[in-house]
């Protein structure tokens, strides 16, 4: 029996372009109501993961289900429950904004004209202009409107704020917070801007070296993930529990752990090993796990 709370389930996902491996066995589950910030450096494969998920690009191996359906054979009803904003504007350039909205509307059973009017007015978008006549920021706003208009249950944004100025970014992030508070919506947005994630997400996923190397609640992450500076003799082998990354050096090792086991800490300190515990912000954690 499928878990109704699991919106997205990815198992052993692999994807390569020519001879370059981009995704190397991604395993990931996203639950209903989560707002997930997908962090990764530029070129880490965030867009490839999202496009694979939405069947925009084919995968080499693995299994993906959305709403308990295979991503390859997603029903029209399930597709209508998904909103997607790509990183780059790929809409018909010669269509006016107004005509583009009318064109898109006919493909959905649910469509909020009120939401469209509200955002067009708030973001001061001239519906008579063609998509080609809009600035990159305005075009991105239109894509966001098209994604929100069907009132989807799952929203996926690929670097949604990349083309927006700081004021527009704040407006967009505010819209995500409002959506999440008013509806039981599930949101994934990829970004390399940690501050954007901290403003809206309740979960953080970090993509590095082709895999989701970390996934947990944002608050739990900031509270529990720490760096241990361990000074010890080279002959002593120390493997901290819940280790995420470790770098060894002549004087010992620096390790990032998901949490500290107090019993282990007491045992190690009793052996005379010097350990310093360094708290980290989310950006520090991101840099530590991806460098």
C-alpha atoms as a PDB file:
ATOM      1  CA  UNK A   1       0.000   0.000   0.000  1.00  0.00           C
ATOM      2  CA  UNK A   2       1.420   3.413  -0.977  1.00  0.00           C
ATOM      3  CA  UNK A   3       2.152   6.104   1.571  1.00  0.00           C
ATOM      4  CA  UNK A   4      -0.263   8.949   0.873  1.00  0.00           C
ATOM      5  CA  UNK A   5       2.049  11.375   2.652  1.00  0.00           C
ATOM      6  CA  UNK A   6       4.904  10.672   0.215  1.00  0.00           C
ATOM      7  CA  UNK A   7       4.519  13.002  -2.761  1.00  0.00           C
ATOM      8  CA  UNK A   8       7.857  12.226  -4.436  1.00  0.00           C
ATOM      9  CA  UNK A   9       9.864   9.021  -4.125  1.00  0.00           C
ATOM     10  CA  UNK A  10      13.203   8.675  -5.915  1.00  0.00           C
ATOM     11  CA  UNK A  11      15.229   5.458  -5.823  1.00  0.00           C
ATOM     12  CA  UNK A  12      18.736   4.915  -7.222  1.00  0.00           C
ATOM     13  CA  UNK A  13      18.389   7.665  -9.838  1.00  0.00           C
ATOM     14  CA  UNK A  14      21.277   7.875 -12.298  1.00  0.00           C
ATOM     15  CA  UNK A  15      21.753  10.320 -15.140  1.00  0.00           C
ATOM     16  CA  UNK A  16      24.718  11.047 -17.398  1.00  0.00           C
ATOM     17  CA  UNK A  17      25.307  13.428 -20.285  1.00  0.00           C
ATOM     18  CA  UNK A  18      27.573  11.695 -22.800  1.00  0.00           C
ATOM     19  CA  UNK A  19      30.362  10.365 -20.565  1.00  0.00           C
ATOM     20  CA  UNK A  20      29.821  12.780 -17.668  1.00  0.00           C
ATOM     21  CA  UNK A  21      27.926  11.330 -14.703  1.00  0.00           C
ATOM     22  CA  UNK A  22      25.661  13.990 -13.146  1.00  0.00           C
ATOM     23  CA  UNK A  23      23.377  12.018 -10.818  1.00  0.00           C
ATOM     24  CA  UNK A  24      24.971   8.965  -9.220  1.00  0.00           C
ATOM     25  CA  UNK A  25      22.261   7.043  -7.386  1.00  0.00           C
ATOM     26  CA  UNK A  26      19.970   9.663  -5.857  1.00  0.00           C
ATOM     27  CA  UNK A  27      17.617   8.390  -3.151  1.00  0.00           C
ATOM     28  CA  UNK A  28      15.118  10.948  -1.864  1.00  0.00           C
ATOM     29  CA  UNK A  29      11.596  11.216  -0.489  1.00  0.00           C
ATOM     30  CA  UNK A  30       9.521  14.386  -0.179  1.00  0.00           C
ATOM     31  CA  UNK A  31       6.476  14.366   2.063  1.00  0.00           C
ATOM     32  CA  UNK A  32       3.208  16.250   1.680  1.00  0.00           C
ATOM     33  CA  UNK A  33       3.349  19.793   3.037  1.00  0.00           C
ATOM     34  CA  UNK A  34       7.141  20.051   3.015  1.00  0.00           C
ATOM     35  CA  UNK A  35       8.823  23.209   1.742  1.00  0.00           C
ATOM     36  CA  UNK A  36      12.199  21.934   0.614  1.00  0.00           C
ATOM     37  CA  UNK A  37      15.172  24.059  -0.341  1.00  0.00           C
ATOM     38  CA  UNK A  38      17.399  22.058  -2.692  1.00  0.00           C
ATOM     39  CA  UNK A  39      20.896  23.445  -2.195  1.00  0.00           C
ATOM     40  CA  UNK A  40      23.793  22.806  -4.498  1.00  0.00           C
ATOM     41  CA  UNK A  41      26.643  24.668  -6.095  1.00  0.00           C
ATOM     42  CA  UNK A  42      26.301  25.786  -9.696  1.00  0.00           C
ATOM     43  CA  UNK A  43      26.754  22.704 -11.855  1.00  0.00           C
ATOM     44  CA  UNK A  44      25.919  20.274  -9.042  1.00  0.00           C
ATOM     45  CA  UNK A  45      22.990  18.822 -10.995  1.00  0.00           C
ATOM     46  CA  UNK A  46      19.997  20.573  -9.412  1.00  0.00           C
ATOM     47  CA  UNK A  47      18.355  21.336 -12.762  1.00  0.00           C
ATOM     48  CA  UNK A  48      19.077  17.821 -14.018  1.00  0.00           C
ATOM     49  CA  UNK A  49      17.436  16.339 -10.913  1.00  0.00           C
ATOM     50  CA  UNK A  50      14.343  18.496 -11.362  1.00  0.00           C
ATOM     51  CA  UNK A  51      14.092  17.827 -15.120  1.00  0.00           C
ATOM     52  CA  UNK A  52      14.542  14.095 -14.513  1.00  0.00           C
ATOM     53  CA  UNK A  53      11.822  14.193 -11.889  1.00  0.00           C
ATOM     54  CA  UNK A  54       9.418  15.896 -14.307  1.00  0.00           C
ATOM     55  CA  UNK A  55      10.414  13.585 -17.209  1.00  0.00           C
ATOM     56  CA  UNK A  56      11.713  16.539 -19.209  1.00  0.00           C
ATOM     57  CA  UNK A  57      14.939  14.585 -19.668  1.00  0.00           C
ATOM     58  CA  UNK A  58      15.204  10.806 -19.666  1.00  0.00           C
ATOM     59  CA  UNK A  59      17.006   8.948 -16.912  1.00  0.00           C
ATOM     60  CA  UNK A  60      19.598   6.189 -17.264  1.00  0.00           C
ATOM     61  CA  UNK A  61      18.505   4.122 -14.291  1.00  0.00           C
ATOM     62  CA  UNK A  62      16.349   4.246 -11.186  1.00  0.00           C
ATOM     63  CA  UNK A  63      12.725   4.797 -10.278  1.00  0.00           C
ATOM     64  CA  UNK A  64      10.710   7.986  -9.699  1.00  0.00           C
ATOM     65  CA  UNK A  65       7.108   8.211  -8.519  1.00  0.00           C
ATOM     66  CA  UNK A  66       4.985  11.333  -8.071  1.00  0.00           C
ATOM     67  CA  UNK A  67       1.608  11.007  -6.342  1.00  0.00           C
ATOM     68  CA  UNK A  68       2.358   7.245  -6.338  1.00  0.00           C
ATOM     69  CA  UNK A  69       2.491   7.185 -10.166  1.00  0.00           C
ATOM     70  CA  UNK A  70       5.537   6.564 -12.352  1.00  0.00           C
ATOM     71  CA  UNK A  71       6.975   9.865 -13.565  1.00  0.00           C
ATOM     72  CA  UNK A  72       7.095   8.408 -17.105  1.00  0.00           C
ATOM     73  CA  UNK A  73       3.356   7.665 -17.287  1.00  0.00           C
ATOM     74  CA  UNK A  74       1.936  10.422 -15.100  1.00  0.00           C
ATOM     75  CA  UNK A  75      -1.808  10.842 -15.678  1.00  0.00           C
ATOM     76  CA  UNK A  76      -3.245  14.116 -16.981  1.00  0.00           C
ATOM     77  CA  UNK A  77      -4.965  14.595 -13.635  1.00  0.00           C
ATOM     78  CA  UNK A  78      -1.669  14.284 -11.739  1.00  0.00           C
ATOM     79  CA  UNK A  79       0.143  16.570 -14.187  1.00  0.00           C
ATOM     80  CA  UNK A  80      -2.535  19.179 -13.467  1.00  0.00           C
ATOM     81  CA  UNK A  81      -1.577  19.030  -9.792  1.00  0.00           C
ATOM     82  CA  UNK A  82       1.998  20.170 -10.515  1.00  0.00           C
ATOM     83  CA  UNK A  83       3.278  23.692 -11.046  1.00  0.00           C
ATOM     84  CA  UNK A  84       6.763  24.180 -12.490  1.00  0.00           C
ATOM     85  CA  UNK A  85       8.934  27.232 -13.041  1.00  0.00           C
ATOM     86  CA  UNK A  86      12.051  26.508 -15.140  1.00  0.00           C
ATOM     87  CA  UNK A  87      15.328  28.331 -14.715  1.00  0.00           C
ATOM     88  CA  UNK A  88      15.070  29.806 -18.202  1.00  0.00           C
ATOM     89  CA  UNK A  89      12.060  31.263 -19.998  1.00  0.00           C
ATOM     90  CA  UNK A  90      10.994  28.779 -22.679  1.00  0.00           C
ATOM     91  CA  UNK A  91       7.525  30.171 -23.412  1.00  0.00           C
ATOM     92  CA  UNK A  92       6.394  31.362 -26.870  1.00  0.00           C
ATOM     93  CA  UNK A  93       8.227  34.671 -27.271  1.00  0.00           C
ATOM     94  CA  UNK A  94       5.806  36.334 -29.708  1.00  0.00           C
ATOM     95  CA  UNK A  95       2.672  35.738 -27.613  1.00  0.00           C
ATOM     96  CA  UNK A  96       1.390  38.575 -25.461  1.00  0.00           C
ATOM     97  CA  UNK A  97       1.251  37.900 -21.729  1.00  0.00           C
ATOM     98  CA  UNK A  98      -2.548  38.016 -21.833  1.00  0.00           C
ATOM     99  CA  UNK A  99      -2.774  35.538 -24.716  1.00  0.00           C
ATOM    100  CA  UNK A 100      -0.213  33.244 -23.092  1.00  0.00           C
ATOM    101  CA  UNK A 101      -2.297  33.127 -19.900  1.00  0.00           C
ATOM    102  CA  UNK A 102      -5.455  32.322 -21.895  1.00  0.00           C
ATOM    103  CA  UNK A 103      -3.584  29.617 -23.813  1.00  0.00           C
ATOM    104  CA  UNK A 104      -2.253  27.974 -20.656  1.00  0.00           C
ATOM    105  CA  UNK A 105      -5.590  28.148 -18.836  1.00  0.00           C
ATOM    106  CA  UNK A 106      -7.307  25.761 -21.259  1.00  0.00           C
ATOM    107  CA  UNK A 107      -5.036  22.884 -20.180  1.00  0.00           C
ATOM    108  CA  UNK A 108      -6.142  22.937 -16.534  1.00  0.00           C
ATOM    109  CA  UNK A 109      -9.307  21.896 -14.727  1.00  0.00           C
ATOM    110  CA  UNK A 110      -8.533  24.278 -11.878  1.00  0.00           C
ATOM    111  CA  UNK A 111      -7.424  27.846 -12.539  1.00  0.00           C
ATOM    112  CA  UNK A 112      -7.607  30.902 -10.308  1.00  0.00           C
ATOM    113  CA  UNK A 113      -8.299  34.036 -12.347  1.00  0.00           C
ATOM    114  CA  UNK A 114      -8.289  35.927  -9.068  1.00  0.00           C
ATOM    115  CA  UNK A 115      -4.715  34.808  -8.272  1.00  0.00           C
ATOM    116  CA  UNK A 116      -3.623  35.788 -11.793  1.00  0.00           C
ATOM    117  CA  UNK A 117      -5.189  39.261 -11.562  1.00  0.00           C
ATOM    118  CA  UNK A 118      -3.739  39.805  -8.091  1.00  0.00           C
ATOM    119  CA  UNK A 119      -0.174  38.974  -9.112  1.00  0.00           C
ATOM    120  CA  UNK A 120      -0.326  40.813 -12.449  1.00  0.00           C
ATOM    121  CA  UNK A 121      -1.438  43.912 -10.552  1.00  0.00           C
ATOM    122  CA  UNK A 122       1.030  43.542  -7.683  1.00  0.00           C
ATOM    123  CA  UNK A 123       3.983  42.941 -10.010  1.00  0.00           C
ATOM    124  CA  UNK A 124       2.803  45.600 -12.502  1.00  0.00           C
ATOM    125  CA  UNK A 125       2.984  43.387 -15.587  1.00  0.00           C
ATOM    126  CA  UNK A 126       1.595  44.775 -18.848  1.00  0.00           C
ATOM    127  CA  UNK A 127      -0.440  41.930 -20.361  1.00  0.00           C
ATOM    128  CA  UNK A 128      -0.314  43.564 -23.799  1.00  0.00           C
ATOM    129  CA  UNK A 129       3.449  43.133 -24.055  1.00  0.00           C
ATOM    130  CA  UNK A 130       4.868  40.016 -25.673  1.00  0.00           C
ATOM    131  CA  UNK A 131       7.113  37.728 -23.656  1.00  0.00           C
ATOM    132  CA  UNK A 132      10.038  38.906 -25.812  1.00  0.00           C
ATOM    133  CA  UNK A 133       9.402  42.515 -24.769  1.00  0.00           C
ATOM    134  CA  UNK A 134       9.609  41.781 -21.055  1.00  0.00           C
ATOM    135  CA  UNK A 135      12.744  42.122 -18.980  1.00  0.00           C
ATOM    136  CA  UNK A 136      14.197  38.828 -17.656  1.00  0.00           C
ATOM    137  CA  UNK A 137      12.762  39.610 -14.207  1.00  0.00           C
ATOM    138  CA  UNK A 138       9.279  40.353 -15.574  1.00  0.00           C
ATOM    139  CA  UNK A 139       9.337  37.202 -17.707  1.00  0.00           C
ATOM    140  CA  UNK A 140      10.273  35.172 -14.626  1.00  0.00           C
ATOM    141  CA  UNK A 141       7.335  36.706 -12.757  1.00  0.00           C
ATOM    142  CA  UNK A 142       4.989  35.615 -15.561  1.00  0.00           C
ATOM    143  CA  UNK A 143       6.325  32.049 -15.308  1.00  0.00           C
ATOM    144  CA  UNK A 144       5.661  32.123 -11.572  1.00  0.00           C
ATOM    145  CA  UNK A 145       2.094  33.335 -12.178  1.00  0.00           C
ATOM    146  CA  UNK A 146       1.514  30.510 -14.687  1.00  0.00           C
ATOM    147  CA  UNK A 147       2.746  28.000 -12.115  1.00  0.00           C
ATOM    148  CA  UNK A 148       0.561  29.364  -9.305  1.00  0.00           C
ATOM    149  CA  UNK A 149      -2.641  29.911 -11.298  1.00  0.00           C
ATOM    150  CA  UNK A 150      -3.754  26.226 -11.370  1.00  0.00           C
ATOM    151  CA  UNK A 151      -3.509  26.165  -7.541  1.00  0.00           C
ATOM    152  CA  UNK A 152      -1.220  23.103  -7.676  1.00  0.00           C
ATOM    153  CA  UNK A 153      -0.554  20.647  -4.870  1.00  0.00           C
ATOM    154  CA  UNK A 154       3.122  20.358  -5.830  1.00  0.00           C
ATOM    155  CA  UNK A 155       5.221  23.355  -6.859  1.00  0.00           C
ATOM    156  CA  UNK A 156       8.703  22.947  -8.276  1.00  0.00           C
ATOM    157  CA  UNK A 157      10.945  25.935  -8.871  1.00  0.00           C
ATOM    158  CA  UNK A 158      14.349  25.734 -10.563  1.00  0.00           C
ATOM    159  CA  UNK A 159      16.419  28.698  -9.315  1.00  0.00           C
ATOM    160  CA  UNK A 160      13.230  30.834  -9.293  1.00  0.00           C
ATOM    161  CA  UNK A 161      14.832  34.001  -7.980  1.00  0.00           C
ATOM    162  CA  UNK A 162      17.862  33.990 -10.289  1.00  0.00           C
ATOM    163  CA  UNK A 163      16.495  36.705 -12.601  1.00  0.00           C
ATOM    164  CA  UNK A 164      14.748  38.754  -9.905  1.00  0.00           C
ATOM    165  CA  UNK A 165      16.057  41.888  -8.235  1.00  0.00           C
ATOM    166  CA  UNK A 166      16.245  41.868  -4.402  1.00  0.00           C
ATOM    167  CA  UNK A 167      12.823  43.483  -3.944  1.00  0.00           C
ATOM    168  CA  UNK A 168      11.158  41.038  -6.340  1.00  0.00           C
ATOM    169  CA  UNK A 169      12.929  38.137  -4.652  1.00  0.00           C
ATOM    170  CA  UNK A 170      11.462  39.163  -1.306  1.00  0.00           C
ATOM    171  CA  UNK A 171       8.000  39.382  -2.888  1.00  0.00           C
ATOM    172  CA  UNK A 172       8.377  35.941  -4.423  1.00  0.00           C
ATOM    173  CA  UNK A 173       9.574  34.358  -1.180  1.00  0.00           C
ATOM    174  CA  UNK A 174       6.707  36.058   0.657  1.00  0.00           C
ATOM    175  CA  UNK A 175       4.316  34.469  -1.841  1.00  0.00           C
ATOM    176  CA  UNK A 176       5.736  31.018  -1.041  1.00  0.00           C
ATOM    177  CA  UNK A 177       5.252  31.611   2.691  1.00  0.00           C
ATOM    178  CA  UNK A 178       1.663  32.773   2.096  1.00  0.00           C
ATOM    179  CA  UNK A 179       0.898  29.739  -0.065  1.00  0.00           C
ATOM    180  CA  UNK A 180       2.318  27.371   2.511  1.00  0.00           C
ATOM    181  CA  UNK A 181       0.331  28.956   5.349  1.00  0.00           C
ATOM    182  CA  UNK A 182      -2.966  28.972   3.439  1.00  0.00           C
ATOM    183  CA  UNK A 183      -2.789  25.567   1.745  1.00  0.00           C
ATOM    184  CA  UNK A 184      -1.345  22.108   2.315  1.00  0.00           C
ATOM    185  CA  UNK A 185       1.006  22.532  -0.624  1.00  0.00           C
ATOM    186  CA  UNK A 186       4.349  20.812  -1.211  1.00  0.00           C
ATOM    187  CA  UNK A 187       7.147  22.998  -2.566  1.00  0.00           C
ATOM    188  CA  UNK A 188      10.622  22.252  -3.872  1.00  0.00           C
ATOM    189  CA  UNK A 189      12.873  25.067  -4.973  1.00  0.00           C
ATOM    190  CA  UNK A 190      16.484  24.750  -6.028  1.00  0.00           C
ATOM    191  CA  UNK A 191      18.894  27.505  -5.124  1.00  0.00           C
ATOM    192  CA  UNK A 192      22.491  28.270  -4.232  1.00  0.00           C
ATOM    193  CA  UNK A 193      21.398  31.252  -2.102  1.00  0.00           C
ATOM    194  CA  UNK A 194      21.242  29.977   1.470  1.00  0.00           C
ATOM    195  CA  UNK A 195      19.492  33.091   2.832  1.00  0.00           C
ATOM    196  CA  UNK A 196      16.535  32.509   0.476  1.00  0.00           C
ATOM    197  CA  UNK A 197      16.165  28.969   1.772  1.00  0.00           C
ATOM    198  CA  UNK A 198      16.285  30.060   5.411  1.00  0.00           C
ATOM    199  CA  UNK A 199      13.433  32.513   4.879  1.00  0.00           C
ATOM    200  CA  UNK A 200      10.882  29.985   3.668  1.00  0.00           C
ATOM    201  CA  UNK A 201      11.959  26.326   3.818  1.00  0.00           C
ATOM    202  CA  UNK A 202      11.288  23.882   6.621  1.00  0.00           C
ATOM    203  CA  UNK A 203      13.625  21.289   5.105  1.00  0.00           C
ATOM    204  CA  UNK A 204      17.010  21.449   3.419  1.00  0.00           C
ATOM    205  CA  UNK A 205      18.427  18.970   0.905  1.00  0.00           C
ATOM    206  CA  UNK A 206      22.048  19.288  -0.204  1.00  0.00           C
ATOM    207  CA  UNK A 207      23.082  17.869  -3.563  1.00  0.00           C
ATOM    208  CA  UNK A 208      26.774  17.120  -3.992  1.00  0.00           C
ATOM    209  CA  UNK A 209      28.784  14.712  -6.135  1.00  0.00           C
ATOM    210  CA  UNK A 210      25.631  13.390  -7.778  1.00  0.00           C
ATOM    211  CA  UNK A 211      23.804  12.459  -4.568  1.00  0.00           C
ATOM    212  CA  UNK A 212      21.622  13.979  -1.869  1.00  0.00           C
ATOM    213  CA  UNK A 213      24.340  14.044   0.783  1.00  0.00           C
ATOM    214  CA  UNK A 214      22.121  15.598   3.462  1.00  0.00           C
ATOM    215  CA  UNK A 215      18.372  16.012   4.054  1.00  0.00           C
ATOM    216  CA  UNK A 216      16.691  17.151   7.266  1.00  0.00           C
ATOM    217  CA  UNK A 217      14.635  19.864   8.949  1.00  0.00           C
ATOM    218  CA  UNK A 218      16.209  23.321   8.734  1.00  0.00           C
ATOM    219  CA  UNK A 219      15.855  23.956  12.477  1.00  0.00           C
ATOM    220  CA  UNK A 220      17.263  20.514  13.355  1.00  0.00           C
ATOM    221  CA  UNK A 221      20.170  21.126  10.994  1.00  0.00           C
ATOM    222  CA  UNK A 222      21.098  24.477  12.513  1.00  0.00           C
ATOM    223  CA  UNK A 223      20.736  23.112  16.048  1.00  0.00           C
ATOM    224  CA  UNK A 224      22.502  19.747  15.727  1.00  0.00           C
ATOM    225  CA  UNK A 225      25.060  19.818  12.906  1.00  0.00           C
ATOM    226  CA  UNK A 226      28.463  20.857  14.261  1.00  0.00           C
ATOM    227  CA  UNK A 227      32.116  20.674  13.372  1.00  0.00           C
ATOM    228  CA  UNK A 228      34.438  18.706  15.637  1.00  0.00           C
ATOM    229  CA  UNK A 229      38.094  19.736  15.701  1.00  0.00           C
ATOM    230  CA  UNK A 230      39.768  16.587  17.071  1.00  0.00           C
ATOM    231  CA  UNK A 231      43.455  16.638  18.031  1.00  0.00           C
ATOM    232  CA  UNK A 232      45.010  13.218  18.535  1.00  0.00           C
ATOM    233  CA  UNK A 233      47.978  11.002  17.761  1.00  0.00           C
ATOM    234  CA  UNK A 234      48.095   9.540  14.233  1.00  0.00           C
ATOM    235  CA  UNK A 235      48.033   6.001  15.601  1.00  0.00           C
ATOM    236  CA  UNK A 236      44.620   6.556  17.207  1.00  0.00           C
ATOM    237  CA  UNK A 237      41.586   5.756  15.039  1.00  0.00           C
ATOM    238  CA  UNK A 238      38.559   7.932  15.799  1.00  0.00           C
ATOM    239  CA  UNK A 239      35.297   7.629  13.882  1.00  0.00           C
ATOM    240  CA  UNK A 240      32.615   9.929  15.319  1.00  0.00           C
ATOM    241  CA  UNK A 241      29.031   8.617  15.014  1.00  0.00           C
ATOM    242  CA  UNK A 242      26.666  10.400  12.585  1.00  0.00           C
ATOM    243  CA  UNK A 243      29.655  11.653  10.570  1.00  0.00           C
ATOM    244  CA  UNK A 244      28.851  13.585   7.377  1.00  0.00           C
ATOM    245  CA  UNK A 245      32.319  14.676   6.256  1.00  0.00           C
ATOM    246  CA  UNK A 246      35.822  14.307   7.711  1.00  0.00           C
ATOM    247  CA  UNK A 247      39.207  15.789   6.802  1.00  0.00           C
ATOM    248  CA  UNK A 248      42.303  14.317   8.385  1.00  0.00           C
ATOM    249  CA  UNK A 249      45.521  16.231   8.983  1.00  0.00           C
ATOM    250  CA  UNK A 250      48.806  15.763  10.826  1.00  0.00           C
ATOM    251  CA  UNK A 251      47.411  16.905  14.175  1.00  0.00           C
ATOM    252  CA  UNK A 252      44.143  14.945  13.937  1.00  0.00           C
ATOM    253  CA  UNK A 253      40.969  15.592  11.993  1.00  0.00           C
ATOM    254  CA  UNK A 254      38.083  18.007  11.444  1.00  0.00           C
ATOM    255  CA  UNK A 255      34.714  16.285  11.180  1.00  0.00           C
ATOM    256  CA  UNK A 256      31.187  17.480  10.487  1.00  0.00           C
ATOM    257  CA  UNK A 257      28.572  15.397  12.309  1.00  0.00           C
ATOM    258  CA  UNK A 258      24.777  15.399  12.115  1.00  0.00           C
ATOM    259  CA  UNK A 259      24.612  15.343  15.918  1.00  0.00           C
ATOM    260  CA  UNK A 260      26.812  14.643  18.909  1.00  0.00           C
ATOM    261  CA  UNK A 261      26.473  11.461  20.918  1.00  0.00           C
ATOM    262  CA  UNK A 262      27.236  12.617  24.451  1.00  0.00           C
ATOM    263  CA  UNK A 263      28.255   9.110  25.597  1.00  0.00           C
ATOM    264  CA  UNK A 264      30.786   8.884  22.741  1.00  0.00           C
ATOM    265  CA  UNK A 265      32.083  12.376  23.526  1.00  0.00           C
ATOM    266  CA  UNK A 266      32.589  11.502  27.192  1.00  0.00           C
ATOM    267  CA  UNK A 267      34.371   8.259  26.248  1.00  0.00           C
ATOM    268  CA  UNK A 268      36.774  10.024  23.870  1.00  0.00           C
ATOM    269  CA  UNK A 269      37.515  12.868  26.269  1.00  0.00           C
ATOM    270  CA  UNK A 270      38.218  10.280  29.005  1.00  0.00           C
ATOM    271  CA  UNK A 271      41.038   8.986  26.773  1.00  0.00           C
ATOM    272  CA  UNK A 272      42.630  12.424  26.859  1.00  0.00           C
ATOM    273  CA  UNK A 273      41.649  13.394  23.320  1.00  0.00           C
ATOM    274  CA  UNK A 274      41.194  17.144  22.838  1.00  0.00           C
ATOM    275  CA  UNK A 275      37.922  17.994  21.046  1.00  0.00           C
ATOM    276  CA  UNK A 276      36.564  21.435  20.192  1.00  0.00           C
ATOM    277  CA  UNK A 277      32.902  21.771  19.174  1.00  0.00           C
ATOM    278  CA  UNK A 278      32.217  24.514  16.655  1.00  0.00           C
ATOM    279  CA  UNK A 279      28.646  25.623  15.932  1.00  0.00           C
ATOM    280  CA  UNK A 280      27.871  26.436  12.293  1.00  0.00           C
ATOM    281  CA  UNK A 281      25.287  28.433  10.412  1.00  0.00           C
ATOM    282  CA  UNK A 282      23.427  26.888   7.474  1.00  0.00           C
ATOM    283  CA  UNK A 283      25.744  28.507   4.945  1.00  0.00           C
ATOM    284  CA  UNK A 284      28.802  27.147   6.764  1.00  0.00           C
ATOM    285  CA  UNK A 285      27.238  23.669   6.774  1.00  0.00           C
ATOM    286  CA  UNK A 286      26.491  23.916   3.061  1.00  0.00           C
ATOM    287  CA  UNK A 287      30.065  24.955   2.265  1.00  0.00           C
ATOM    288  CA  UNK A 288      31.549  22.248   4.484  1.00  0.00           C
ATOM    289  CA  UNK A 289      29.497  19.485   2.861  1.00  0.00           C
ATOM    290  CA  UNK A 290      30.132  20.599  -0.725  1.00  0.00           C
ATOM    291  CA  UNK A 291      33.792  21.648  -0.698  1.00  0.00           C
END
